[in-house]
Amino acid sequence: MGLSEFIRLLEAYRDTRYLFTADGAGHEVRIDRRNPAAEAWLAKQGALGRGAAGAGFISADNPRSRLTPGAENAAARQRLAAAVRGRG
């Protein structure tokens, strides 16, 4: 990957909205931007003894940052969800 492709990919990740729902509330997280509500939720998890000192997002879509057809992404999401459910 050349420098220009790397920069383009980095900008794409920074422009992406990462969404999650916790305790009935929706949250949007973006790279290099603070979200006080999401930070408060994460701090609460640590305070509850759940050991949350950080968070990450796992996605089955567009593996290795390569655009993938919708049907393939949907199938990959189903496999990921099944794997997560299988781990409890």
N, C-alpha and C. Protein backbone atom coordinates (compact mmCIF):
# COMPACT_ATOMS: atom_id res chain seq x y z
N MET A 1 0.86 -1.17 0.00
CA MET A 1 0.00 0.00 0.00
C MET A 1 0.90 1.24 0.00
N GLY A 2 0.65 2.13 -0.94
CA GLY A 2 1.42 3.37 -1.02
C GLY A 2 0.93 4.39 -0.01
N LEU A 3 1.70 5.45 0.15
CA LEU A 3 1.36 6.49 1.12
C LEU A 3 0.02 7.14 0.81
N SER A 4 -0.26 7.44 -0.45
CA SER A 4 -1.53 8.10 -0.79
C SER A 4 -2.72 7.19 -0.48
N GLU A 5 -2.57 5.89 -0.74
CA GLU A 5 -3.65 4.95 -0.42
C GLU A 5 -3.83 4.85 1.10
N PHE A 6 -2.73 4.85 1.84
CA PHE A 6 -2.80 4.80 3.30
C PHE A 6 -3.52 6.02 3.84
N ILE A 7 -3.18 7.19 3.34
CA ILE A 7 -3.82 8.43 3.79
C ILE A 7 -5.31 8.41 3.45
N ARG A 8 -5.66 7.95 2.26
CA ARG A 8 -7.07 7.87 1.87
C ARG A 8 -7.83 6.93 2.82
N LEU A 9 -7.22 5.79 3.13
CA LEU A 9 -7.86 4.83 4.02
C LEU A 9 -8.01 5.40 5.43
N LEU A 10 -6.99 6.07 5.93
CA LEU A 10 -7.06 6.69 7.25
C LEU A 10 -8.17 7.73 7.30
N GLU A 11 -8.29 8.54 6.27
CA GLU A 11 -9.36 9.54 6.22
C GLU A 11 -10.73 8.87 6.18
N ALA A 12 -10.83 7.77 5.46
CA ALA A 12 -12.11 7.05 5.40
C ALA A 12 -12.50 6.53 6.78
N TYR A 13 -11.54 5.97 7.52
CA TYR A 13 -11.84 5.50 8.87
C TYR A 13 -12.23 6.66 9.78
N ARG A 14 -11.56 7.78 9.66
CA ARG A 14 -11.89 8.94 10.49
C ARG A 14 -13.26 9.50 10.15
N ASP A 15 -13.71 9.34 8.91
CA ASP A 15 -15.04 9.83 8.51
C ASP A 15 -16.16 8.87 8.87
N THR A 16 -15.81 7.65 9.25
CA THR A 16 -16.80 6.62 9.54
C THR A 16 -17.47 6.87 10.88
N ARG A 17 -18.78 6.64 10.91
CA ARG A 17 -19.55 6.72 12.16
C ARG A 17 -19.70 5.31 12.70
N TYR A 18 -19.19 5.05 13.89
CA TYR A 18 -19.29 3.75 14.54
C TYR A 18 -20.46 3.85 15.53
N LEU A 19 -21.46 3.01 15.34
CA LEU A 19 -22.70 3.10 16.12
C LEU A 19 -22.85 1.90 17.04
N PHE A 20 -23.34 2.16 18.26
CA PHE A 20 -23.68 1.06 19.15
C PHE A 20 -24.83 1.49 20.06
N THR A 21 -25.52 0.50 20.57
CA THR A 21 -26.62 0.73 21.50
C THR A 21 -26.25 0.10 22.83
N ALA A 22 -26.42 0.84 23.92
CA ALA A 22 -26.12 0.35 25.25
C ALA A 22 -27.13 0.92 26.23
N ASP A 23 -27.68 0.07 27.06
CA ASP A 23 -28.66 0.49 28.06
C ASP A 23 -29.80 1.27 27.42
N GLY A 24 -30.20 0.87 26.22
CA GLY A 24 -31.33 1.48 25.54
C GLY A 24 -31.04 2.79 24.83
N ALA A 25 -29.81 3.24 24.87
CA ALA A 25 -29.45 4.51 24.22
C ALA A 25 -28.49 4.25 23.07
N GLY A 26 -28.70 4.97 21.97
CA GLY A 26 -27.80 4.86 20.84
C GLY A 26 -26.62 5.81 20.99
N HIS A 27 -25.46 5.39 20.55
CA HIS A 27 -24.25 6.20 20.64
C HIS A 27 -23.54 6.19 19.29
N GLU A 28 -22.95 7.31 18.95
CA GLU A 28 -22.11 7.42 17.75
C GLU A 28 -20.71 7.75 18.20
N VAL A 29 -19.76 6.97 17.75
CA VAL A 29 -18.36 7.19 18.09
C VAL A 29 -17.59 7.39 16.79
N ARG A 30 -16.68 8.35 16.82
CA ARG A 30 -15.83 8.61 15.65
C ARG A 30 -14.39 8.73 16.11
N ILE A 31 -13.48 8.32 15.27
CA ILE A 31 -12.06 8.38 15.59
C ILE A 31 -11.65 9.84 15.78
N ASP A 32 -10.87 10.07 16.83
CA ASP A 32 -10.33 11.39 17.16
C ASP A 32 -11.39 12.40 17.59
N ARG A 33 -12.57 11.92 17.98
CA ARG A 33 -13.61 12.83 18.48
C ARG A 33 -14.14 12.27 19.79
N ARG A 34 -14.34 13.15 20.74
CA ARG A 34 -14.85 12.72 22.05
C ARG A 34 -16.36 12.60 22.00
N ASN A 35 -16.88 11.68 22.80
CA ASN A 35 -18.31 11.50 22.96
C ASN A 35 -18.56 11.33 24.45
N PRO A 36 -18.94 12.40 25.16
CA PRO A 36 -19.10 12.32 26.61
C PRO A 36 -20.09 11.24 27.06
N ALA A 37 -21.18 11.04 26.33
CA ALA A 37 -22.16 10.02 26.73
C ALA A 37 -21.56 8.62 26.62
N ALA A 38 -20.85 8.35 25.55
CA ALA A 38 -20.22 7.03 25.39
C ALA A 38 -19.12 6.84 26.44
N GLU A 39 -18.37 7.89 26.72
CA GLU A 39 -17.32 7.81 27.74
C GLU A 39 -17.93 7.55 29.12
N ALA A 40 -19.05 8.18 29.41
CA ALA A 40 -19.73 7.96 30.69
C ALA A 40 -20.21 6.52 30.81
N TRP A 41 -20.75 5.98 29.71
CA TRP A 41 -21.21 4.59 29.72
C TRP A 41 -20.03 3.66 29.97
N LEU A 42 -18.92 3.90 29.30
CA LEU A 42 -17.75 3.05 29.47
C LEU A 42 -17.22 3.13 30.90
N ALA A 43 -17.17 4.33 31.47
CA ALA A 43 -16.73 4.50 32.85
C ALA A 43 -17.65 3.75 33.81
N LYS A 44 -18.94 3.78 33.53
CA LYS A 44 -19.92 3.06 34.36
C LYS A 44 -19.64 1.56 34.34
N GLN A 45 -19.26 1.03 33.19
CA GLN A 45 -18.97 -0.40 33.09
C GLN A 45 -17.79 -0.77 33.98
N GLY A 46 -16.76 0.08 34.00
CA GLY A 46 -15.62 -0.16 34.87
C GLY A 46 -16.00 -0.05 36.33
N ALA A 47 -16.85 0.92 36.66
CA ALA A 47 -17.29 1.11 38.05
C ALA A 47 -18.15 -0.04 38.52
N LEU A 48 -18.83 -0.71 37.60
CA LEU A 48 -19.67 -1.85 37.96
C LEU A 48 -18.87 -3.14 38.07
N GLY A 49 -17.56 -3.04 37.93
CA GLY A 49 -16.72 -4.23 38.05
C GLY A 49 -16.69 -5.08 36.80
N ARG A 50 -17.10 -4.52 35.69
CA ARG A 50 -17.11 -5.29 34.44
C ARG A 50 -15.77 -5.21 33.73
N GLY A 51 -14.81 -4.52 34.33
CA GLY A 51 -13.46 -4.50 33.80
C GLY A 51 -13.28 -3.72 32.52
N ALA A 52 -14.18 -2.81 32.22
CA ALA A 52 -14.08 -2.06 30.97
C ALA A 52 -13.14 -0.87 31.15
N ALA A 53 -11.96 -0.98 30.58
CA ALA A 53 -11.02 0.14 30.59
C ALA A 53 -10.89 0.74 29.20
N GLY A 54 -11.50 0.09 28.24
CA GLY A 54 -11.46 0.55 26.86
C GLY A 54 -12.51 -0.21 26.07
N ALA A 55 -12.59 0.11 24.82
CA ALA A 55 -13.58 -0.54 23.98
C ALA A 55 -13.04 -0.65 22.56
N GLY A 56 -13.63 -1.52 21.80
CA GLY A 56 -13.26 -1.68 20.40
C GLY A 56 -14.47 -2.10 19.59
N PHE A 57 -14.37 -1.95 18.31
CA PHE A 57 -15.44 -2.36 17.41
C PHE A 57 -14.93 -3.49 16.54
N ILE A 58 -15.76 -4.50 16.38
CA ILE A 58 -15.46 -5.61 15.49
C ILE A 58 -16.52 -5.61 14.40
N SER A 59 -16.08 -5.65 13.17
CA SER A 59 -17.01 -5.66 12.05
C SER A 59 -16.63 -6.77 11.08
N ALA A 60 -17.63 -7.40 10.54
CA ALA A 60 -17.39 -8.42 9.52
C ALA A 60 -17.40 -7.82 8.13
N ASP A 61 -17.82 -6.57 8.02
CA ASP A 61 -17.96 -5.93 6.71
C ASP A 61 -16.61 -5.53 6.13
N ASN A 62 -16.52 -5.60 4.83
CA ASN A 62 -15.37 -5.10 4.07
C ASN A 62 -14.04 -5.54 4.68
N PRO A 63 -13.79 -6.86 4.72
CA PRO A 63 -12.55 -7.35 5.34
C PRO A 63 -11.31 -6.76 4.68
N ARG A 64 -10.33 -6.50 5.53
CA ARG A 64 -9.06 -5.89 5.11
C ARG A 64 -9.28 -4.57 4.37
N SER A 65 -10.35 -3.89 4.73
CA SER A 65 -10.68 -2.57 4.17
C SER A 65 -10.92 -2.60 2.67
N ARG A 66 -11.40 -3.73 2.18
CA ARG A 66 -11.73 -3.84 0.76
C ARG A 66 -13.24 -3.88 0.61
N LEU A 67 -13.77 -3.01 -0.25
CA LEU A 67 -15.21 -2.99 -0.47
C LEU A 67 -15.68 -4.37 -0.92
N THR A 68 -16.74 -4.83 -0.28
CA THR A 68 -17.27 -6.17 -0.52
C THR A 68 -18.75 -6.04 -0.82
N PRO A 69 -19.27 -6.84 -1.75
CA PRO A 69 -20.70 -6.77 -2.07
C PRO A 69 -21.58 -6.96 -0.83
N GLY A 70 -22.73 -6.32 -0.85
CA GLY A 70 -23.65 -6.35 0.29
C GLY A 70 -24.01 -7.74 0.76
N ALA A 71 -24.27 -8.66 -0.17
CA ALA A 71 -24.65 -10.02 0.21
C ALA A 71 -23.52 -10.72 0.96
N GLU A 72 -22.29 -10.50 0.52
CA GLU A 72 -21.15 -11.10 1.21
C GLU A 72 -20.97 -10.50 2.60
N ASN A 73 -21.15 -9.18 2.72
CA ASN A 73 -21.07 -8.54 4.03
C ASN A 73 -22.15 -9.07 4.95
N ALA A 74 -23.37 -9.23 4.44
CA ALA A 74 -24.49 -9.73 5.26
C ALA A 74 -24.19 -11.14 5.75
N ALA A 75 -23.67 -11.99 4.88
CA ALA A 75 -23.34 -13.36 5.29
C ALA A 75 -22.22 -13.35 6.33
N ALA A 76 -21.25 -12.48 6.15
CA ALA A 76 -20.15 -12.38 7.12
C ALA A 76 -20.66 -11.89 8.47
N ARG A 77 -21.60 -10.93 8.46
CA ARG A 77 -22.19 -10.45 9.72
C ARG A 77 -22.91 -11.58 10.44
N GLN A 78 -23.63 -12.41 9.69
CA GLN A 78 -24.34 -13.53 10.31
C GLN A 78 -23.35 -14.51 10.94
N ARG A 79 -22.26 -14.79 10.25
CA ARG A 79 -21.24 -15.69 10.81
C ARG A 79 -20.61 -15.10 12.07
N LEU A 80 -20.32 -13.81 12.04
CA LEU A 80 -19.74 -13.15 13.22
C LEU A 80 -20.72 -13.20 14.39
N ALA A 81 -21.99 -12.88 14.14
CA ALA A 81 -23.00 -12.91 15.21
C ALA A 81 -23.12 -14.31 15.80
N ALA A 82 -23.10 -15.33 14.96
CA ALA A 82 -23.18 -16.71 15.45
C ALA A 82 -21.96 -17.05 16.29
N ALA A 83 -20.79 -16.61 15.86
CA ALA A 83 -19.56 -16.88 16.62
C ALA A 83 -19.59 -16.19 17.98
N VAL A 84 -20.08 -14.96 18.02
CA VAL A 84 -20.17 -14.22 19.29
C VAL A 84 -21.18 -14.90 20.21
N ARG A 85 -22.35 -15.26 19.67
CA ARG A 85 -23.35 -15.97 20.49
C ARG A 85 -22.79 -17.27 21.03
N GLY A 86 -22.01 -17.96 20.22
CA GLY A 86 -21.43 -19.23 20.63
C GLY A 86 -20.44 -19.10 21.78
N ARG A 87 -19.89 -17.92 21.95
CA ARG A 87 -18.92 -17.70 23.04
C ARG A 87 -19.60 -17.21 24.31
N GLY A 88 -20.92 -17.00 24.24
CA GLY A 88 -21.66 -16.59 25.43
C GLY A 88 -21.60 -15.13 25.63
